[in-house]
N, C-alpha and C. Protein backbone atom coordinates (compact mmCIF):
# COMPACT_ATOMS: atom_id res chain seq x y z
N UNK A 1 -40.39 32.16 37.99
CA UNK A 1 -40.32 30.80 39.04
C UNK A 1 -38.89 30.41 40.19
N UNK A 2 -39.90 30.43 41.60
CA UNK A 2 -38.41 30.58 42.23
C UNK A 2 -37.87 29.77 41.66
N UNK A 3 -36.67 29.38 42.97
CA UNK A 3 -35.45 28.38 43.30
C UNK A 3 -36.56 27.38 43.67
N UNK A 4 -36.40 27.65 44.22
CA UNK A 4 -37.41 25.70 44.66
C UNK A 4 -38.49 25.30 44.23
N UNK A 5 -38.91 25.45 43.53
CA UNK A 5 -39.80 24.73 41.57
C UNK A 5 -39.22 24.79 40.88
N UNK A 6 -38.34 25.32 40.26
CA UNK A 6 -37.39 25.26 39.35
C UNK A 6 -36.59 24.00 40.42
N UNK A 7 -36.70 23.98 40.85
CA UNK A 7 -35.55 23.35 41.81
C UNK A 7 -36.38 21.30 42.09
N UNK A 8 -37.72 21.61 42.16
CA UNK A 8 -38.66 20.33 42.26
C UNK A 8 -39.07 20.32 40.34
N UNK A 9 -39.41 21.14 39.54
CA UNK A 9 -39.36 20.88 38.55
C UNK A 9 -38.11 20.05 37.24
N UNK A 10 -36.97 20.02 38.29
CA UNK A 10 -35.41 19.55 37.28
C UNK A 10 -36.29 18.10 37.62
N UNK A 11 -36.26 17.36 39.45
CA UNK A 11 -36.22 16.31 40.43
C UNK A 11 -37.62 15.57 39.36
N UNK A 12 -37.99 15.89 39.00
CA UNK A 12 -39.30 15.38 38.28
C UNK A 12 -39.67 14.93 37.23
N UNK A 13 -38.57 16.02 36.22
CA UNK A 13 -38.06 15.64 34.83
C UNK A 13 -37.04 14.84 34.65
N UNK A 14 -36.15 14.13 35.65
CA UNK A 14 -35.84 13.55 35.91
C UNK A 14 -35.93 12.11 35.89
N UNK A 15 -36.69 11.83 36.70
CA UNK A 15 -37.74 11.09 37.23
C UNK A 15 -38.88 10.80 36.87
N UNK A 16 -38.86 11.17 35.42
CA UNK A 16 -39.85 11.49 33.93
C UNK A 16 -39.35 10.68 32.97
N UNK A 17 -37.68 11.15 32.82
CA UNK A 17 -36.25 10.52 31.81
C UNK A 17 -36.45 9.02 32.21
N UNK A 18 -36.13 9.04 33.47
CA UNK A 18 -35.29 7.42 34.71
C UNK A 18 -36.92 6.61 33.99
N UNK A 19 -37.50 7.32 34.16
CA UNK A 19 -39.06 6.50 33.76
C UNK A 19 -38.98 5.22 32.53
N UNK A 20 -39.16 6.74 31.86
CA UNK A 20 -39.58 6.56 30.50
C UNK A 20 -38.10 5.54 30.00
N UNK A 21 -37.32 5.27 30.51
CA UNK A 21 -36.08 4.40 30.06
C UNK A 21 -36.17 3.06 30.81
N UNK A 22 -36.73 3.35 31.82
CA UNK A 22 -36.48 1.85 32.02
C UNK A 22 -37.82 1.31 31.12
N UNK A 23 -39.50 2.58 30.90
CA UNK A 23 -40.23 1.56 30.71
C UNK A 23 -39.49 0.64 28.80
N UNK A 24 -38.68 1.85 28.28
CA UNK A 24 -38.13 1.64 26.46
C UNK A 24 -38.06 0.10 26.66
N UNK A 25 -36.72 0.22 28.19
CA UNK A 25 -35.66 -0.82 27.67
C UNK A 25 -36.66 -1.54 27.98
N UNK A 26 -37.27 -1.85 28.95
CA UNK A 26 -38.20 -3.50 29.32
C UNK A 26 -38.76 -3.63 27.60
N UNK A 27 -39.49 -2.73 27.09
CA UNK A 27 -40.46 -3.03 26.25
C UNK A 27 -39.15 -3.47 25.06
N UNK A 28 -37.64 -2.71 24.74
CA UNK A 28 -37.08 -3.36 24.11
C UNK A 28 -36.73 -4.51 24.03
N UNK A 29 -36.42 -5.38 25.25
CA UNK A 29 -36.07 -6.29 26.03
C UNK A 29 -37.08 -7.73 26.02
N UNK A 30 -37.72 -7.74 25.56
CA UNK A 30 -38.60 -8.51 26.38
C UNK A 30 -39.05 -9.78 25.48
N UNK A 31 -38.76 -9.68 24.30
CA UNK A 31 -38.16 -11.21 23.63
C UNK A 31 -37.23 -11.65 24.49
N UNK A 32 -35.91 -10.80 24.37
CA UNK A 32 -34.87 -11.61 24.86
C UNK A 32 -35.33 -11.99 26.38
N UNK A 33 -36.29 -11.72 27.39
CA UNK A 33 -36.69 -12.26 27.96
C UNK A 33 -36.83 -13.50 28.23
N UNK A 34 -37.89 -13.56 27.26
CA UNK A 34 -38.59 -15.08 26.91
C UNK A 34 -37.29 -15.68 26.11
N UNK A 35 -36.95 -15.33 25.08
CA UNK A 35 -36.15 -16.63 25.24
C UNK A 35 -34.67 -17.23 25.88
N UNK A 36 -34.53 -16.42 26.91
CA UNK A 36 -34.08 -16.80 28.48
C UNK A 36 -34.70 -17.94 29.74
N UNK A 37 -35.48 -17.44 29.39
CA UNK A 37 -36.65 -18.61 30.08
C UNK A 37 -37.17 -19.68 29.26
N UNK A 38 -37.26 -20.15 28.15
CA UNK A 38 -37.38 -21.32 26.86
C UNK A 38 -36.00 -21.75 27.33
N UNK A 39 -34.48 -20.92 27.22
CA UNK A 39 -33.62 -21.76 27.40
C UNK A 39 -32.97 -22.15 28.96
N UNK A 40 -33.50 -22.02 29.66
CA UNK A 40 -33.70 -22.11 30.81
C UNK A 40 -34.42 -23.40 31.06
N UNK A 41 -36.08 -23.40 30.78
CA UNK A 41 -36.21 -24.75 30.38
C UNK A 41 -35.87 -25.69 30.06
N UNK A 42 -35.46 -25.21 28.98
CA UNK A 42 -34.56 -26.17 28.08
C UNK A 42 -33.13 -27.33 28.85
N UNK A 43 -32.60 -25.79 29.51
CA UNK A 43 -31.70 -26.79 30.09
C UNK A 43 -31.95 -27.72 32.13
N UNK A 44 -33.06 -26.97 32.29
CA UNK A 44 -33.15 -27.31 33.61
C UNK A 44 -34.38 -28.82 32.58
N UNK A 45 -34.35 -29.32 31.81
CA UNK A 45 -34.71 -30.56 31.24
C UNK A 45 -33.87 -31.58 30.86
N UNK A 46 -33.22 -31.42 30.27
CA UNK A 46 -31.79 -31.53 29.89
C UNK A 46 -30.87 -32.17 31.43
N UNK A 47 -31.06 -31.20 32.60
CA UNK A 47 -30.36 -31.80 33.35
C UNK A 47 -31.35 -32.44 34.40
N UNK A 48 -32.90 -32.87 34.08
CA UNK A 48 -33.30 -34.61 34.81
C UNK A 48 -32.92 -35.26 33.83
N UNK A 49 -33.06 -35.09 32.78
CA UNK A 49 -32.26 -36.07 31.58
C UNK A 49 -31.22 -36.77 32.25
N UNK A 50 -30.75 -35.89 32.45
CA UNK A 50 -28.99 -36.84 33.38
C UNK A 50 -28.77 -37.00 34.14
N UNK A 51 -29.52 -36.63 34.83
CA UNK A 51 -29.80 -37.34 36.04
C UNK A 51 -30.97 -38.71 36.01
N UNK A 52 -31.14 -38.30 35.36
CA UNK A 52 -32.26 -40.07 35.45
C UNK A 52 -31.09 -41.08 34.75
N UNK A 53 -30.29 -40.10 33.87
CA UNK A 53 -29.27 -41.38 32.46
C UNK A 53 -28.45 -42.25 33.65
N UNK A 54 -27.84 -41.03 34.77
CA UNK A 54 -26.71 -40.85 35.66
C UNK A 54 -27.80 -42.38 36.32
N UNK A 55 -28.65 -42.43 36.87
CA UNK A 55 -28.97 -42.97 38.03
C UNK A 55 -29.43 -44.11 37.35
N UNK A 56 -30.01 -44.34 36.40
CA UNK A 56 -30.01 -45.98 35.59
C UNK A 56 -28.38 -46.83 35.26
N UNK A 57 -27.28 -45.47 34.80
CA UNK A 57 -26.47 -45.99 35.04
C UNK A 57 -26.00 -46.65 35.80
N UNK A 58 -25.98 -46.22 37.27
CA UNK A 58 -25.72 -46.35 38.35
C UNK A 58 -26.29 -48.15 39.01
N UNK A 59 -27.73 -48.11 38.56
CA UNK A 59 -28.86 -49.84 39.07
C UNK A 59 -27.86 -50.35 37.73
N UNK A 60 -27.45 -50.22 36.54
CA UNK A 60 -27.11 -50.56 35.84
C UNK A 60 -25.21 -51.55 36.54
N UNK A 61 -24.99 -50.62 36.92
CA UNK A 61 -23.21 -50.79 36.82
C UNK A 61 -23.95 -51.61 38.40
N UNK A 62 -25.14 -51.83 39.47
CA UNK A 62 -25.10 -52.90 40.35
C UNK A 62 -25.14 -53.54 39.62
N UNK A 63 -25.46 -54.08 39.09
CA UNK A 63 -26.74 -55.48 38.93
C UNK A 63 -25.56 -55.54 37.81
N UNK A 64 -24.28 -54.93 36.75
CA UNK A 64 -23.26 -55.99 36.75
C UNK A 64 -22.88 -56.44 37.39
N UNK A 65 -22.19 -55.74 38.75
CA UNK A 65 -21.59 -56.67 39.78
C UNK A 65 -22.32 -57.73 40.33
N UNK A 66 -22.77 -57.78 40.42
CA UNK A 66 -24.15 -58.64 41.36
C UNK A 66 -24.27 -59.86 40.22
N UNK A 67 -24.66 -59.62 38.92
CA UNK A 67 -23.74 -60.56 37.93
C UNK A 67 -22.88 -61.45 37.37
N UNK A 68 -21.77 -60.81 38.42
CA UNK A 68 -20.15 -61.11 37.96
C UNK A 68 -19.92 -61.97 39.46
N UNK A 69 -20.85 -62.15 40.67
CA UNK A 69 -20.79 -63.00 41.24
C UNK A 69 -21.09 -63.78 41.32
N UNK A 70 -20.67 -65.16 41.31
CA UNK A 70 -21.03 -66.50 41.60
C UNK A 70 -22.39 -66.58 42.07
N UNK A 71 -23.29 -65.87 43.14
CA UNK A 71 -23.95 -66.25 44.32
C UNK A 71 -25.14 -65.30 42.60
N UNK A 72 -24.54 -64.17 42.45
CA UNK A 72 -25.60 -63.81 41.59
C UNK A 72 -26.20 -64.56 40.03
N UNK A 73 -24.61 -65.18 39.60
CA UNK A 73 -25.22 -65.42 38.20
C UNK A 73 -26.17 -67.15 38.43
N UNK A 74 -26.24 -67.44 39.85
CA UNK A 74 -26.90 -68.69 40.56
C UNK A 74 -28.50 -67.46 40.50
N UNK A 75 -28.14 -66.83 41.14
CA UNK A 75 -29.70 -66.40 41.72
C UNK A 75 -30.12 -65.75 40.31
N UNK A 76 -29.88 -65.38 39.13
CA UNK A 76 -30.40 -65.24 37.64
C UNK A 76 -30.60 -66.32 37.29
N UNK A 77 -29.97 -67.40 37.00
CA UNK A 77 -30.34 -68.74 36.28
C UNK A 77 -31.49 -68.76 37.07
N UNK A 78 -31.56 -68.95 37.89
CA UNK A 78 -32.52 -69.64 38.91
C UNK A 78 -33.76 -68.63 38.70
N UNK A 79 -33.78 -67.36 38.26
CA UNK A 79 -35.28 -66.76 38.47
C UNK A 79 -35.45 -66.77 36.97
N UNK A 80 -34.71 -67.05 36.05
CA UNK A 80 -35.30 -68.04 34.53
C UNK A 80 -35.58 -69.78 34.73
N UNK A 81 -35.45 -70.27 35.68
CA UNK A 81 -36.18 -71.41 36.14
C UNK A 81 -34.88 -73.02 36.50
N UNK A 82 -34.13 -72.28 35.98
CA UNK A 82 -32.49 -73.01 35.97
C UNK A 82 -33.03 -74.01 37.31
N UNK A 83 -32.12 -75.06 36.94
CA UNK A 83 -32.56 -76.69 38.37
C UNK A 83 -31.24 -77.54 38.94
N UNK A 84 -30.92 -77.94 39.25
CA UNK A 84 -29.40 -78.42 39.49
C UNK A 84 -29.98 -80.25 38.86
N UNK A 85 -29.10 -80.66 38.05
CA UNK A 85 -30.08 -82.18 37.80
C UNK A 85 -29.52 -82.29 39.37
N UNK A 86 -30.99 -83.23 38.87
CA UNK A 86 -31.37 -84.44 40.58
C UNK A 86 -31.61 -83.39 41.79
N UNK A 87 -31.77 -82.35 41.38
CA UNK A 87 -32.95 -81.16 43.20
C UNK A 87 -34.07 -80.82 42.74
N UNK A 88 -34.62 -81.17 44.34
CA UNK A 88 -35.98 -80.96 43.79
C UNK A 88 -36.16 -80.10 44.53
N UNK A 89 -37.17 -78.84 43.99
CA UNK A 89 -38.08 -78.37 44.29
C UNK A 89 -38.85 -77.96 46.45
N UNK A 90 -38.44 -77.44 47.07
CA UNK A 90 -38.84 -77.47 48.32
C UNK A 90 -40.29 -76.46 47.95
N UNK A 91 -41.21 -77.94 48.89
CA UNK A 91 -42.35 -77.51 48.62
C UNK A 91 -42.75 -77.19 50.35
N UNK A 92 -43.92 -76.59 50.35
CA UNK A 92 -44.84 -76.38 52.45
C UNK A 92 -46.31 -76.87 52.18
N UNK A 93 -45.76 -76.56 52.89
CA UNK A 93 -47.48 -77.29 53.75
C UNK A 93 -48.27 -76.00 54.09
């Protein structure tokens, strides 16, 4: 064997070893990648739930602030059918 062919053979051997090593590593860690995907999915779901809860909390805080004002209390009472004594409902033609 001449020098050139030995050098070529070493390159191919190295390439084969690296390729085989990568294949073995990918095969050995396939379950870990599946678990990682599952955990990422759970984290995304939890984040979506957190954002929905935060939005709901903001809405309730706004509603509470509105109901603590006299105008908000009157609005709530009227939505429940309250009328002041002697008050006549407005009729439109």
